Amino acid sequence: KLIITTHRVAVLSARRAEFRETAHPDSELIVYAAYNAAFDYFITVGNKASIAIWSTHSFSLIHEFTEAHVTTTKIGIPQVVDILAAALDPTERRLVTA
């Protein structure tokens, strides 16, 4: 699990996906794609709250984070929120999504 904090705490579940060649199964669009020189990976972000990390050497899927944007309704039901934009910070160590 990956724990992220800013003004709120988020816990993302990750799964190893070495043998898969596709990602973002629920997404209709890839809203962001970038090369991360700091870690030598490609990053893609799907609009349905999924983030994938790809190997630059084998072009295989290394990790995929699903449900990266989740909120809770007033009655306590988790609801996935679409990702509309994404960018790496200047150090390329953080991925910011909105």
PDB file of N, CA and C in Angstrom:
ATOM      1  N   LYS A   1       0.842  -1.181   0.000  1.00  0.00           N
ATOM      2  CA  LYS A   1       0.000   0.000   0.000  1.00  0.00           C
ATOM      3  C   LYS A   1       0.879   1.233   0.000  1.00  0.00           C
ATOM      4  N   LEU A   2       0.396   2.262  -0.652  1.00  0.00           N
ATOM      5  CA  LEU A   2       1.089   3.539  -0.718  1.00  0.00           C
ATOM      6  C   LEU A   2       0.251   4.546   0.045  1.00  0.00           C
ATOM      7  N   ILE A   3       0.856   5.207   1.023  1.00  0.00           N
ATOM      8  CA  ILE A   3       0.148   6.200   1.822  1.00  0.00           C
ATOM      9  C   ILE A   3       0.638   7.573   1.403  1.00  0.00           C
ATOM     10  N   ILE A   4      -0.301   8.442   1.053  1.00  0.00           N
ATOM     11  CA  ILE A   4       0.019   9.779   0.570  1.00  0.00           C
ATOM     12  C   ILE A   4      -0.643  10.784   1.502  1.00  0.00           C
ATOM     13  N   THR A   5       0.062  11.873   1.816  1.00  0.00           N
ATOM     14  CA  THR A   5      -0.543  12.916   2.633  1.00  0.00           C
ATOM     15  C   THR A   5      -0.297  14.278   2.012  1.00  0.00           C
ATOM     16  N   THR A   6      -1.282  15.123   2.093  1.00  0.00           N
ATOM     17  CA  THR A   6      -1.163  16.545   1.782  1.00  0.00           C
ATOM     18  C   THR A   6      -1.988  17.213   2.861  1.00  0.00           C
ATOM     19  N   HIS A   7      -3.171  17.668   2.506  1.00  0.00           N
ATOM     20  CA  HIS A   7      -4.110  18.155   3.514  1.00  0.00           C
ATOM     21  C   HIS A   7      -4.987  17.011   4.008  1.00  0.00           C
ATOM     22  N   ARG A   8      -4.968  15.910   3.251  1.00  0.00           N
ATOM     23  CA  ARG A   8      -5.725  14.714   3.605  1.00  0.00           C
ATOM     24  C   ARG A   8      -4.815  13.510   3.460  1.00  0.00           C
ATOM     25  N   VAL A   9      -5.192  12.418   4.071  1.00  0.00           N
ATOM     26  CA  VAL A   9      -4.418  11.180   3.963  1.00  0.00           C
ATOM     27  C   VAL A   9      -5.133  10.259   2.981  1.00  0.00           C
ATOM     28  N   ALA A  10      -4.365   9.661   2.074  1.00  0.00           N
ATOM     29  CA  ALA A  10      -4.929   8.705   1.117  1.00  0.00           C
ATOM     30  C   ALA A  10      -4.104   7.434   1.154  1.00  0.00           C
ATOM     31  N   VAL A  11      -4.762   6.302   1.068  1.00  0.00           N
ATOM     32  CA  VAL A  11      -4.087   5.008   1.007  1.00  0.00           C
ATOM     33  C   VAL A  11      -4.466   4.368  -0.322  1.00  0.00           C
ATOM     34  N   LEU A  12      -3.462   4.122  -1.169  1.00  0.00           N
ATOM     35  CA  LEU A  12      -3.700   3.529  -2.480  1.00  0.00           C
ATOM     36  C   LEU A  12      -3.272   2.075  -2.465  1.00  0.00           C
ATOM     37  N   SER A  13      -4.070   1.243  -3.056  1.00  0.00           N
ATOM     38  CA  SER A  13      -3.704  -0.162  -3.199  1.00  0.00           C
ATOM     39  C   SER A  13      -2.970  -0.340  -4.514  1.00  0.00           C
ATOM     40  N   ALA A  14      -1.904  -1.092  -4.480  1.00  0.00           N
ATOM     41  CA  ALA A  14      -1.127  -1.363  -5.694  1.00  0.00           C
ATOM     42  C   ALA A  14      -1.085  -2.859  -5.911  1.00  0.00           C
ATOM     43  N   ARG A  15      -0.972  -3.230  -7.148  1.00  0.00           N
ATOM     44  CA  ARG A  15      -0.798  -4.644  -7.448  1.00  0.00           C
ATOM     45  C   ARG A  15       0.300  -4.769  -8.486  1.00  0.00           C
ATOM     46  N   ARG A  16       1.127  -5.767  -8.311  1.00  0.00           N
ATOM     47  CA  ARG A  16       2.186  -6.022  -9.286  1.00  0.00           C
ATOM     48  C   ARG A  16       1.559  -6.555 -10.550  1.00  0.00           C
ATOM     49  N   ALA A  17       1.950  -6.002 -11.656  1.00  0.00           N
ATOM     50  CA  ALA A  17       1.334  -6.385 -12.924  1.00  0.00           C
ATOM     51  C   ALA A  17       2.404  -6.596 -13.982  1.00  0.00           C
ATOM     52  N   GLU A  18       3.395  -7.384 -13.662  1.00  0.00           N
ATOM     53  CA  GLU A  18       4.535  -7.576 -14.549  1.00  0.00           C
ATOM     54  C   GLU A  18       4.166  -8.210 -15.881  1.00  0.00           C
ATOM     55  N   PHE A  19       3.183  -9.095 -15.880  1.00  0.00           N
ATOM     56  CA  PHE A  19       2.883  -9.860 -17.079  1.00  0.00           C
ATOM     57  C   PHE A  19       1.808  -9.217 -17.946  1.00  0.00           C
ATOM     58  N   ARG A  20       1.231  -8.142 -17.487  1.00  0.00           N
ATOM     59  CA  ARG A  20       0.201  -7.469 -18.276  1.00  0.00           C
ATOM     60  C   ARG A  20       0.835  -6.493 -19.248  1.00  0.00           C
ATOM     61  N   GLU A  21       0.205  -6.313 -20.370  1.00  0.00           N
ATOM     62  CA  GLU A  21       0.686  -5.354 -21.358  1.00  0.00           C
ATOM     63  C   GLU A  21      -0.293  -4.207 -21.552  1.00  0.00           C
ATOM     64  N   THR A  22      -1.422  -4.253 -20.870  1.00  0.00           N
ATOM     65  CA  THR A  22      -2.404  -3.180 -20.963  1.00  0.00           C
ATOM     66  C   THR A  22      -2.730  -2.686 -19.563  1.00  0.00           C
ATOM     67  N   ALA A  23      -3.233  -1.481 -19.500  1.00  0.00           N
ATOM     68  CA  ALA A  23      -3.622  -0.891 -18.218  1.00  0.00           C
ATOM     69  C   ALA A  23      -4.882  -0.060 -18.429  1.00  0.00           C
ATOM     70  N   HIS A  24      -5.383   0.493 -17.361  1.00  0.00           N
ATOM     71  CA  HIS A  24      -6.546   1.370 -17.383  1.00  0.00           C
ATOM     72  C   HIS A  24      -7.776   0.678 -17.978  1.00  0.00           C
ATOM     73  N   PRO A  25      -8.182  -0.465 -17.426  1.00  0.00           N
ATOM     74  CA  PRO A  25      -9.293  -1.216 -18.029  1.00  0.00           C
ATOM     75  C   PRO A  25     -10.624  -0.469 -18.026  1.00  0.00           C
ATOM     76  N   ASP A  26     -10.866   0.386 -17.042  1.00  0.00           N
ATOM     77  CA  ASP A  26     -12.143   1.086 -16.962  1.00  0.00           C
ATOM     78  C   ASP A  26     -12.106   2.466 -17.603  1.00  0.00           C
ATOM     79  N   SER A  27     -10.931   2.958 -17.937  1.00  0.00           N
ATOM     80  CA  SER A  27     -10.798   4.319 -18.449  1.00  0.00           C
ATOM     81  C   SER A  27     -11.185   4.417 -19.917  1.00  0.00           C
ATOM     82  N   GLU A  28     -11.760   5.548 -20.249  1.00  0.00           N
ATOM     83  CA  GLU A  28     -12.120   5.833 -21.627  1.00  0.00           C
ATOM     84  C   GLU A  28     -11.030   6.657 -22.305  1.00  0.00           C
ATOM     85  N   LEU A  29     -10.269   7.395 -21.517  1.00  0.00           N
ATOM     86  CA  LEU A  29      -9.233   8.280 -22.045  1.00  0.00           C
ATOM     87  C   LEU A  29      -7.957   8.164 -21.226  1.00  0.00           C
ATOM     88  N   ILE A  30      -6.835   8.380 -21.864  1.00  0.00           N
ATOM     89  CA  ILE A  30      -5.575   8.574 -21.151  1.00  0.00           C
ATOM     90  C   ILE A  30      -5.397  10.087 -21.065  1.00  0.00           C
ATOM     91  N   VAL A  31      -5.463  10.630 -19.862  1.00  0.00           N
ATOM     92  CA  VAL A  31      -5.418  12.084 -19.710  1.00  0.00           C
ATOM     93  C   VAL A  31      -4.002  12.618 -19.549  1.00  0.00           C
ATOM     94  N   TYR A  32      -3.036  11.722 -19.294  1.00  0.00           N
ATOM     95  CA  TYR A  32      -1.662  12.178 -19.101  1.00  0.00           C
ATOM     96  C   TYR A  32      -0.715  11.034 -19.412  1.00  0.00           C
ATOM     97  N   ALA A  33       0.356  11.348 -20.114  1.00  0.00           N
ATOM     98  CA  ALA A  33       1.427  10.388 -20.379  1.00  0.00           C
ATOM     99  C   ALA A  33       2.739  11.154 -20.321  1.00  0.00           C
ATOM    100  N   ALA A  34       3.724  10.606 -19.612  1.00  0.00           N
ATOM    101  CA  ALA A  34       4.992  11.318 -19.462  1.00  0.00           C
ATOM    102  C   ALA A  34       6.127  10.348 -19.189  1.00  0.00           C
ATOM    103  N   TYR A  35       7.323  10.796 -19.518  1.00  0.00           N
ATOM    104  CA  TYR A  35       8.538  10.068 -19.153  1.00  0.00           C
ATOM    105  C   TYR A  35       9.065  10.692 -17.876  1.00  0.00           C
ATOM    106  N   ASN A  36       9.375   9.873 -16.884  1.00  0.00           N
ATOM    107  CA  ASN A  36       9.920  10.347 -15.623  1.00  0.00           C
ATOM    108  C   ASN A  36      11.406  10.019 -15.592  1.00  0.00           C
ATOM    109  N   ALA A  37      12.241  11.028 -15.798  1.00  0.00           N
ATOM    110  CA  ALA A  37      13.690  10.828 -15.834  1.00  0.00           C
ATOM    111  C   ALA A  37      14.249  10.482 -14.456  1.00  0.00           C
ATOM    112  N   ALA A  38      13.608  10.943 -13.399  1.00  0.00           N
ATOM    113  CA  ALA A  38      14.102  10.678 -12.044  1.00  0.00           C
ATOM    114  C   ALA A  38      14.095   9.184 -11.730  1.00  0.00           C
ATOM    115  N   PHE A  39      13.104   8.453 -12.224  1.00  0.00           N
ATOM    116  CA  PHE A  39      12.991   7.025 -11.944  1.00  0.00           C
ATOM    117  C   PHE A  39      13.098   6.157 -13.194  1.00  0.00           C
ATOM    118  N   ASP A  40      13.253   6.774 -14.358  1.00  0.00           N
ATOM    119  CA  ASP A  40      13.386   6.070 -15.634  1.00  0.00           C
ATOM    120  C   ASP A  40      12.166   5.193 -15.917  1.00  0.00           C
ATOM    121  N   TYR A  41      10.979   5.786 -15.784  1.00  0.00           N
ATOM    122  CA  TYR A  41       9.712   5.108 -16.046  1.00  0.00           C
ATOM    123  C   TYR A  41       8.854   5.977 -16.950  1.00  0.00           C
ATOM    124  N   PHE A  42       7.886   5.340 -17.608  1.00  0.00           N
ATOM    125  CA  PHE A  42       6.798   6.053 -18.256  1.00  0.00           C
ATOM    126  C   PHE A  42       5.611   5.998 -17.320  1.00  0.00           C
ATOM    127  N   ILE A  43       4.832   7.060 -17.291  1.00  0.00           N
ATOM    128  CA  ILE A  43       3.640   7.126 -16.449  1.00  0.00           C
ATOM    129  C   ILE A  43       2.453   7.458 -17.340  1.00  0.00           C
ATOM    130  N   THR A  44       1.360   6.719 -17.178  1.00  0.00           N
ATOM    131  CA  THR A  44       0.111   7.062 -17.850  1.00  0.00           C
ATOM    132  C   THR A  44      -0.994   7.154 -16.806  1.00  0.00           C
ATOM    133  N   VAL A  45      -1.914   8.070 -17.044  1.00  0.00           N
ATOM    134  CA  VAL A  45      -3.024   8.294 -16.117  1.00  0.00           C
ATOM    135  C   VAL A  45      -4.323   8.194 -16.906  1.00  0.00           C
ATOM    136  N   GLY A  46      -5.205   7.304 -16.466  1.00  0.00           N
ATOM    137  CA  GLY A  46      -6.514   7.151 -17.102  1.00  0.00           C
ATOM    138  C   GLY A  46      -7.547   8.008 -16.405  1.00  0.00           C
ATOM    139  N   ASN A  47      -8.580   8.402 -17.141  1.00  0.00           N
ATOM    140  CA  ASN A  47      -9.579   9.298 -16.558  1.00  0.00           C
ATOM    141  C   ASN A  47     -10.423   8.636 -15.472  1.00  0.00           C
ATOM    142  N   LYS A  48     -10.457   7.334 -15.398  1.00  0.00           N
ATOM    143  CA  LYS A  48     -11.248   6.646 -14.369  1.00  0.00           C
ATOM    144  C   LYS A  48     -10.393   6.286 -13.153  1.00  0.00           C
ATOM    145  N   ALA A  49      -9.558   7.229 -12.726  1.00  0.00           N
ATOM    146  CA  ALA A  49      -8.802   7.137 -11.472  1.00  0.00           C
ATOM    147  C   ALA A  49      -7.791   6.002 -11.434  1.00  0.00           C
ATOM    148  N   SER A  50      -7.125   5.742 -12.556  1.00  0.00           N
ATOM    149  CA  SER A  50      -6.070   4.724 -12.562  1.00  0.00           C
ATOM    150  C   SER A  50      -4.754   5.336 -13.031  1.00  0.00           C
ATOM    151  N   ILE A  51      -3.670   4.882 -12.415  1.00  0.00           N
ATOM    152  CA  ILE A  51      -2.322   5.361 -12.724  1.00  0.00           C
ATOM    153  C   ILE A  51      -1.461   4.142 -12.994  1.00  0.00           C
ATOM    154  N   ALA A  52      -0.729   4.154 -14.110  1.00  0.00           N
ATOM    155  CA  ALA A  52       0.113   3.014 -14.475  1.00  0.00           C
ATOM    156  C   ALA A  52       1.555   3.464 -14.630  1.00  0.00           C
ATOM    157  N   ILE A  53       2.473   2.611 -14.188  1.00  0.00           N
ATOM    158  CA  ILE A  53       3.909   2.859 -14.314  1.00  0.00           C
ATOM    159  C   ILE A  53       4.477   1.778 -15.218  1.00  0.00           C
ATOM    160  N   TRP A  54       5.214   2.190 -16.248  1.00  0.00           N
ATOM    161  CA  TRP A  54       5.724   1.299 -17.283  1.00  0.00           C
ATOM    162  C   TRP A  54       7.243   1.305 -17.307  1.00  0.00           C
ATOM    163  N   SER A  55       7.833   0.174 -17.595  1.00  0.00           N
ATOM    164  CA  SER A  55       9.282   0.054 -17.744  1.00  0.00           C
ATOM    165  C   SER A  55       9.709   0.683 -19.065  1.00  0.00           C
ATOM    166  N   THR A  56      10.772   1.475 -19.037  1.00  0.00           N
ATOM    167  CA  THR A  56      11.284   2.056 -20.281  1.00  0.00           C
ATOM    168  C   THR A  56      12.124   1.057 -21.058  1.00  0.00           C
ATOM    169  N   HIS A  57      12.548  -0.009 -20.413  1.00  0.00           N
ATOM    170  CA  HIS A  57      13.403  -0.998 -21.079  1.00  0.00           C
ATOM    171  C   HIS A  57      12.588  -2.093 -21.756  1.00  0.00           C
ATOM    172  N   SER A  58      11.588  -2.616 -21.066  1.00  0.00           N
ATOM    173  CA  SER A  58      10.793  -3.715 -21.631  1.00  0.00           C
ATOM    174  C   SER A  58       9.405  -3.264 -22.088  1.00  0.00           C
ATOM    175  N   PHE A  59       9.033  -2.027 -21.775  1.00  0.00           N
ATOM    176  CA  PHE A  59       7.710  -1.479 -22.087  1.00  0.00           C
ATOM    177  C   PHE A  59       6.585  -2.300 -21.465  1.00  0.00           C
ATOM    178  N   SER A  60       6.890  -2.990 -20.370  1.00  0.00           N
ATOM    179  CA  SER A  60       5.868  -3.771 -19.677  1.00  0.00           C
ATOM    180  C   SER A  60       5.337  -2.975 -18.487  1.00  0.00           C
ATOM    181  N   LEU A  61       4.153  -3.341 -18.057  1.00  0.00           N
ATOM    182  CA  LEU A  61       3.504  -2.688 -16.931  1.00  0.00           C
ATOM    183  C   LEU A  61       4.162  -3.136 -15.633  1.00  0.00           C
ATOM    184  N   ILE A  62       4.626  -2.179 -14.832  1.00  0.00           N
ATOM    185  CA  ILE A  62       5.296  -2.497 -13.567  1.00  0.00           C
ATOM    186  C   ILE A  62       4.295  -2.443 -12.406  1.00  0.00           C
ATOM    187  N   HIS A  63       3.569  -1.343 -12.292  1.00  0.00           N
ATOM    188  CA  HIS A  63       2.564  -1.169 -11.233  1.00  0.00           C
ATOM    189  C   HIS A  63       1.360  -0.443 -11.812  1.00  0.00           C
ATOM    190  N   GLU A  64       0.217  -0.723 -11.219  1.00  0.00           N
ATOM    191  CA  GLU A  64      -0.985   0.028 -11.548  1.00  0.00           C
ATOM    192  C   GLU A  64      -1.715   0.352 -10.257  1.00  0.00           C
ATOM    193  N   PHE A  65      -2.048   1.622 -10.092  1.00  0.00           N
ATOM    194  CA  PHE A  65      -2.829   2.077  -8.948  1.00  0.00           C
ATOM    195  C   PHE A  65      -4.244   2.330  -9.449  1.00  0.00           C
ATOM    196  N   THR A  66      -5.205   1.660  -8.864  1.00  0.00           N
ATOM    197  CA  THR A  66      -6.596   1.879  -9.246  1.00  0.00           C
ATOM    198  C   THR A  66      -7.299   2.621  -8.119  1.00  0.00           C
ATOM    199  N   GLU A  67      -8.368   3.268  -8.461  1.00  0.00           N
ATOM    200  CA  GLU A  67      -9.144   4.050  -7.495  1.00  0.00           C
ATOM    201  C   GLU A  67      -8.266   5.073  -6.783  1.00  0.00           C
ATOM    202  N   ALA A  68      -7.464   5.796  -7.561  1.00  0.00           N
ATOM    203  CA  ALA A  68      -6.571   6.805  -6.992  1.00  0.00           C
ATOM    204  C   ALA A  68      -7.337   8.023  -6.482  1.00  0.00           C
ATOM    205  N   HIS A  69      -8.521   8.274  -7.017  1.00  0.00           N
ATOM    206  CA  HIS A  69      -9.378   9.368  -6.556  1.00  0.00           C
ATOM    207  C   HIS A  69     -10.666   8.769  -6.029  1.00  0.00           C
ATOM    208  N   VAL A  70     -10.810   8.710  -4.726  1.00  0.00           N
ATOM    209  CA  VAL A  70     -12.029   8.168  -4.117  1.00  0.00           C
ATOM    210  C   VAL A  70     -12.520   9.151  -3.068  1.00  0.00           C
ATOM    211  N   THR A  71     -13.793   9.397  -3.072  1.00  0.00           N
ATOM    212  CA  THR A  71     -14.415  10.222  -2.052  1.00  0.00           C
ATOM    213  C   THR A  71     -15.517   9.395  -1.394  1.00  0.00           C
ATOM    214  N   THR A  72     -16.037   9.876  -0.312  1.00  0.00           N
ATOM    215  CA  THR A  72     -17.111   9.176   0.389  1.00  0.00           C
ATOM    216  C   THR A  72     -18.366  10.037   0.353  1.00  0.00           C
ATOM    217  N   THR A  73     -19.482   9.431  -0.005  1.00  0.00           N
ATOM    218  CA  THR A  73     -20.744  10.165  -0.029  1.00  0.00           C
ATOM    219  C   THR A  73     -21.198  10.463   1.397  1.00  0.00           C
ATOM    220  N   LYS A  74     -22.245  11.251   1.510  1.00  0.00           N
ATOM    221  CA  LYS A  74     -22.760  11.623   2.835  1.00  0.00           C
ATOM    222  C   LYS A  74     -23.210  10.422   3.651  1.00  0.00           C
ATOM    223  N   ILE A  75     -23.585   9.347   2.969  1.00  0.00           N
ATOM    224  CA  ILE A  75     -24.031   8.156   3.699  1.00  0.00           C
ATOM    225  C   ILE A  75     -22.925   7.111   3.827  1.00  0.00           C
ATOM    226  N   GLY A  76     -21.694   7.505   3.484  1.00  0.00           N
ATOM    227  CA  GLY A  76     -20.548   6.640   3.720  1.00  0.00           C
ATOM    228  C   GLY A  76     -20.191   5.661   2.619  1.00  0.00           C
ATOM    229  N   ILE A  77     -20.723   5.851   1.428  1.00  0.00           N
ATOM    230  CA  ILE A  77     -20.417   4.950   0.317  1.00  0.00           C
ATOM    231  C   ILE A  77     -19.232   5.501  -0.475  1.00  0.00           C
ATOM    232  N   PRO A  78     -18.167   4.706  -0.661  1.00  0.00           N
ATOM    233  CA  PRO A  78     -17.029   5.177  -1.462  1.00  0.00           C
ATOM    234  C   PRO A  78     -17.436   5.363  -2.927  1.00  0.00           C
ATOM    235  N   GLN A  79     -16.947   6.441  -3.528  1.00  0.00           N
ATOM    236  CA  GLN A  79     -17.272   6.739  -4.920  1.00  0.00           C
ATOM    237  C   GLN A  79     -16.000   7.185  -5.638  1.00  0.00           C
ATOM    238  N   VAL A  80     -15.696   6.559  -6.772  1.00  0.00           N
ATOM    239  CA  VAL A  80     -14.512   6.909  -7.558  1.00  0.00           C
ATOM    240  C   VAL A  80     -14.782   8.212  -8.301  1.00  0.00           C
ATOM    241  N   VAL A  81     -13.814   9.129  -8.247  1.00  0.00           N
ATOM    242  CA  VAL A  81     -13.914  10.423  -8.913  1.00  0.00           C
ATOM    243  C   VAL A  81     -12.946  10.431 -10.090  1.00  0.00           C
ATOM    244  N   ASP A  82     -13.399  10.899 -11.249  1.00  0.00           N
ATOM    245  CA  ASP A  82     -12.553  10.935 -12.444  1.00  0.00           C
ATOM    246  C   ASP A  82     -11.338  11.836 -12.252  1.00  0.00           C
ATOM    247  N   ILE A  83     -10.241  11.478 -12.906  1.00  0.00           N
ATOM    248  CA  ILE A  83      -9.055  12.332 -12.970  1.00  0.00           C
ATOM    249  C   ILE A  83      -9.177  13.159 -14.242  1.00  0.00           C
ATOM    250  N   LEU A  84      -9.090  14.466 -14.121  1.00  0.00           N
ATOM    251  CA  LEU A  84      -9.227  15.357 -15.268  1.00  0.00           C
ATOM    252  C   LEU A  84      -7.891  15.890 -15.757  1.00  0.00           C
ATOM    253  N   ALA A  85      -6.903  15.955 -14.866  1.00  0.00           N
ATOM    254  CA  ALA A  85      -5.591  16.488 -15.238  1.00  0.00           C
ATOM    255  C   ALA A  85      -4.527  15.882 -14.332  1.00  0.00           C
ATOM    256  N   ALA A  86      -3.291  15.857 -14.824  1.00  0.00           N
ATOM    257  CA  ALA A  86      -2.174  15.335 -14.034  1.00  0.00           C
ATOM    258  C   ALA A  86      -0.884  16.000 -14.502  1.00  0.00           C
ATOM    259  N   ALA A  87       0.096  16.060 -13.613  1.00  0.00           N
ATOM    260  CA  ALA A  87       1.404  16.623 -13.954  1.00  0.00           C
ATOM    261  C   ALA A  87       2.423  16.161 -12.922  1.00  0.00           C
ATOM    262  N   LEU A  88       3.675  16.086 -13.340  1.00  0.00           N
ATOM    263  CA  LEU A  88       4.771  15.819 -12.410  1.00  0.00           C
ATOM    264  C   LEU A  88       5.244  17.144 -11.835  1.00  0.00           C
ATOM    265  N   ASP A  89       5.672  17.134 -10.570  1.00  0.00           N
ATOM    266  CA  ASP A  89       6.245  18.345  -9.997  1.00  0.00           C
ATOM    267  C   ASP A  89       7.625  18.575 -10.626  1.00  0.00           C
ATOM    268  N   PRO A  90       8.258  19.737 -10.411  1.00  0.00           N
ATOM    269  CA  PRO A  90       9.550  20.032 -11.053  1.00  0.00           C
ATOM    270  C   PRO A  90      10.662  19.028 -10.741  1.00  0.00           C
ATOM    271  N   THR A  91      10.603  18.369  -9.582  1.00  0.00           N
ATOM    272  CA  THR A  91      11.634  17.379  -9.245  1.00  0.00           C
ATOM    273  C   THR A  91      11.331  16.010  -9.845  1.00  0.00           C
ATOM    274  N   GLU A  92      10.149  15.845 -10.421  1.00  0.00           N
ATOM    275  CA  GLU A  92       9.668  14.586 -10.995  1.00  0.00           C
ATOM    276  C   GLU A  92       9.568  13.467  -9.960  1.00  0.00           C
ATOM    277  N   ARG A  93       9.380  13.825  -8.707  1.00  0.00           N
ATOM    278  CA  ARG A  93       9.235  12.833  -7.645  1.00  0.00           C
ATOM    279  C   ARG A  93       7.793  12.700  -7.178  1.00  0.00           C
ATOM    280  N   ARG A  94       6.936  13.607  -7.605  1.00  0.00           N
ATOM    281  CA  ARG A  94       5.531  13.564  -7.198  1.00  0.00           C
ATOM    282  C   ARG A  94       4.640  13.722  -8.427  1.00  0.00           C
ATOM    283  N   LEU A  95       3.593  12.931  -8.467  1.00  0.00           N
ATOM    284  CA  LEU A  95       2.573  13.059  -9.503  1.00  0.00           C
ATOM    285  C   LEU A  95       1.377  13.740  -8.862  1.00  0.00           C
ATOM    286  N   VAL A  96       0.969  14.862  -9.425  1.00  0.00           N
ATOM    287  CA  VAL A  96      -0.159  15.623  -8.906  1.00  0.00           C
ATOM    288  C   VAL A  96      -1.342  15.387  -9.837  1.00  0.00           C
ATOM    289  N   THR A  97      -2.483  15.015  -9.275  1.00  0.00           N
ATOM    290  CA  THR A  97      -3.679  14.772 -10.077  1.00  0.00           C
ATOM    291  C   THR A  97      -4.829  15.626  -9.576  1.00  0.00           C
ATOM    292  N   ALA A  98      -5.747  15.923 -10.464  1.00  0.00           N
ATOM    293  CA  ALA A  98      -6.931  16.715 -10.101  1.00  0.00           C
ATOM    294  C   ALA A  98      -8.133  16.178 -10.842  1.00  0.00           C
TER     295      ALA A  98
END
